[in-house]
Structures are given as structure tokens and as C-alpha cells.
Amino acid sequence: MRIVSNNGQYKITLPKDLVVDKGWKAGDELRFIEDMEGRIFLKIMKKAKSR
């Protein structure tokens, strides 16, 4: 995984295997969620519109 700075925001590149296994597509909106123990999860908030 790689972290890239872009206009004051950070972006990460997700491994292709993870994206395929989760069924995510380009344009899906993901959010980082942190639980009470400090673990971080990625949660899909909005699926991209189909073309």
C-alpha cells in the first residue's frame, strides 16, 4: 500500500486482490471507521453508479 499527498489530502492505493475480493469498483465511496479499541476498518458508504 502507498500513501500519496495531493492538495493537502492523502490518498492510498489499495491492493487489487482486496478490491476484487470485496467487490468494490472505481468510484465507490469508502470511509475509514475507527472502533473503541483503535482498530481501523474500511466501510463502503456509496456504490458507484453502473454504466
C-alpha atoms as a PDB file:
ATOM      1  CA  MET A   1       0.000   0.000   0.000  1.00  0.00           C
ATOM      2  CA  ARG A   2       1.177   3.509  -0.726  1.00  0.00           C
ATOM      3  CA  ILE A   3       0.217   6.901   0.760  1.00  0.00           C
ATOM      4  CA  VAL A   4       0.263   9.921  -1.577  1.00  0.00           C
ATOM      5  CA  SER A   5      -0.221  13.592  -0.645  1.00  0.00           C
ATOM      6  CA  ASN A   6      -2.468  15.575  -3.002  1.00  0.00           C
ATOM      7  CA  ASN A   7      -3.547  19.173  -2.290  1.00  0.00           C
ATOM      8  CA  GLY A   8      -3.427  18.724   1.485  1.00  0.00           C
ATOM      9  CA  GLN A   9      -5.279  15.398   1.422  1.00  0.00           C
ATOM     10  CA  TYR A  10      -3.854  11.908   1.493  1.00  0.00           C
ATOM     11  CA  LYS A  11      -4.747   9.053  -0.824  1.00  0.00           C
ATOM     12  CA  ILE A  12      -3.907   5.374  -0.550  1.00  0.00           C
ATOM     13  CA  THR A  13      -3.633   2.732  -3.217  1.00  0.00           C
ATOM     14  CA  LEU A  14      -5.484  -0.445  -2.270  1.00  0.00           C
ATOM     15  CA  PRO A  15      -4.200  -3.866  -3.314  1.00  0.00           C
ATOM     16  CA  LYS A  16      -6.075  -5.142  -6.383  1.00  0.00           C
ATOM     17  CA  ASP A  17      -6.805  -8.514  -4.719  1.00  0.00           C
ATOM     18  CA  LEU A  18      -8.563  -6.754  -1.815  1.00  0.00           C
ATOM     19  CA  VAL A  19     -10.695  -4.609  -4.137  1.00  0.00           C
ATOM     20  CA  VAL A  20     -11.701  -7.606  -6.274  1.00  0.00           C
ATOM     21  CA  ASP A  21     -12.446  -9.817  -3.234  1.00  0.00           C
ATOM     22  CA  LYS A  22     -14.664  -7.116  -1.685  1.00  0.00           C
ATOM     23  CA  GLY A  23     -16.462  -6.421  -4.976  1.00  0.00           C
ATOM     24  CA  TRP A  24     -15.523  -2.741  -4.909  1.00  0.00           C
ATOM     25  CA  LYS A  25     -15.377  -0.715  -8.130  1.00  0.00           C
ATOM     26  CA  ALA A  26     -13.735   2.559  -9.173  1.00  0.00           C
ATOM     27  CA  GLY A  27     -15.934   5.400  -7.937  1.00  0.00           C
ATOM     28  CA  ASP A  28     -17.226   3.578  -4.823  1.00  0.00           C
ATOM     29  CA  GLU A  29     -17.072   5.813  -1.753  1.00  0.00           C
ATOM     30  CA  LEU A  30     -15.209   4.254   1.177  1.00  0.00           C
ATOM     31  CA  ARG A  31     -14.773   5.627   4.673  1.00  0.00           C
ATOM     32  CA  PHE A  32     -12.315   4.791   7.428  1.00  0.00           C
ATOM     33  CA  ILE A  33     -14.093   3.798  10.648  1.00  0.00           C
ATOM     34  CA  GLU A  34     -12.218   3.524  13.960  1.00  0.00           C
ATOM     35  CA  ASP A  35     -13.631   1.406  16.786  1.00  0.00           C
ATOM     36  CA  MET A  36     -13.195   1.988  20.530  1.00  0.00           C
ATOM     37  CA  GLU A  37     -10.050  -0.159  20.561  1.00  0.00           C
ATOM     38  CA  GLY A  38      -8.356   1.908  17.832  1.00  0.00           C
ATOM     39  CA  ARG A  39      -8.806  -0.646  15.045  1.00  0.00           C
ATOM     40  CA  ILE A  40      -9.455   0.878  11.635  1.00  0.00           C
ATOM     41  CA  PHE A  41     -11.931  -0.552   9.127  1.00  0.00           C
ATOM     42  CA  LEU A  42     -12.896   0.431   5.586  1.00  0.00           C
ATOM     43  CA  LYS A  43     -16.654   0.682   5.086  1.00  0.00           C
ATOM     44  CA  ILE A  44     -18.389   1.240   1.756  1.00  0.00           C
ATOM     45  CA  MET A  45     -20.643   4.286   2.040  1.00  0.00           C
ATOM     46  CA  LYS A  46     -21.898   4.625  -1.523  1.00  0.00           C
ATOM     47  CA  LYS A  47     -21.616   2.369  -4.568  1.00  0.00           C
ATOM     48  CA  ALA A  48     -20.636   3.973  -7.869  1.00  0.00           C
ATOM     49  CA  LYS A  49     -23.403   4.218 -10.435  1.00  0.00           C
ATOM     50  CA  SER A  50     -23.326   1.457 -13.040  1.00  0.00           C
ATOM     51  CA  ARG A  51     -22.501   2.488 -16.570  1.00  0.00           C
END
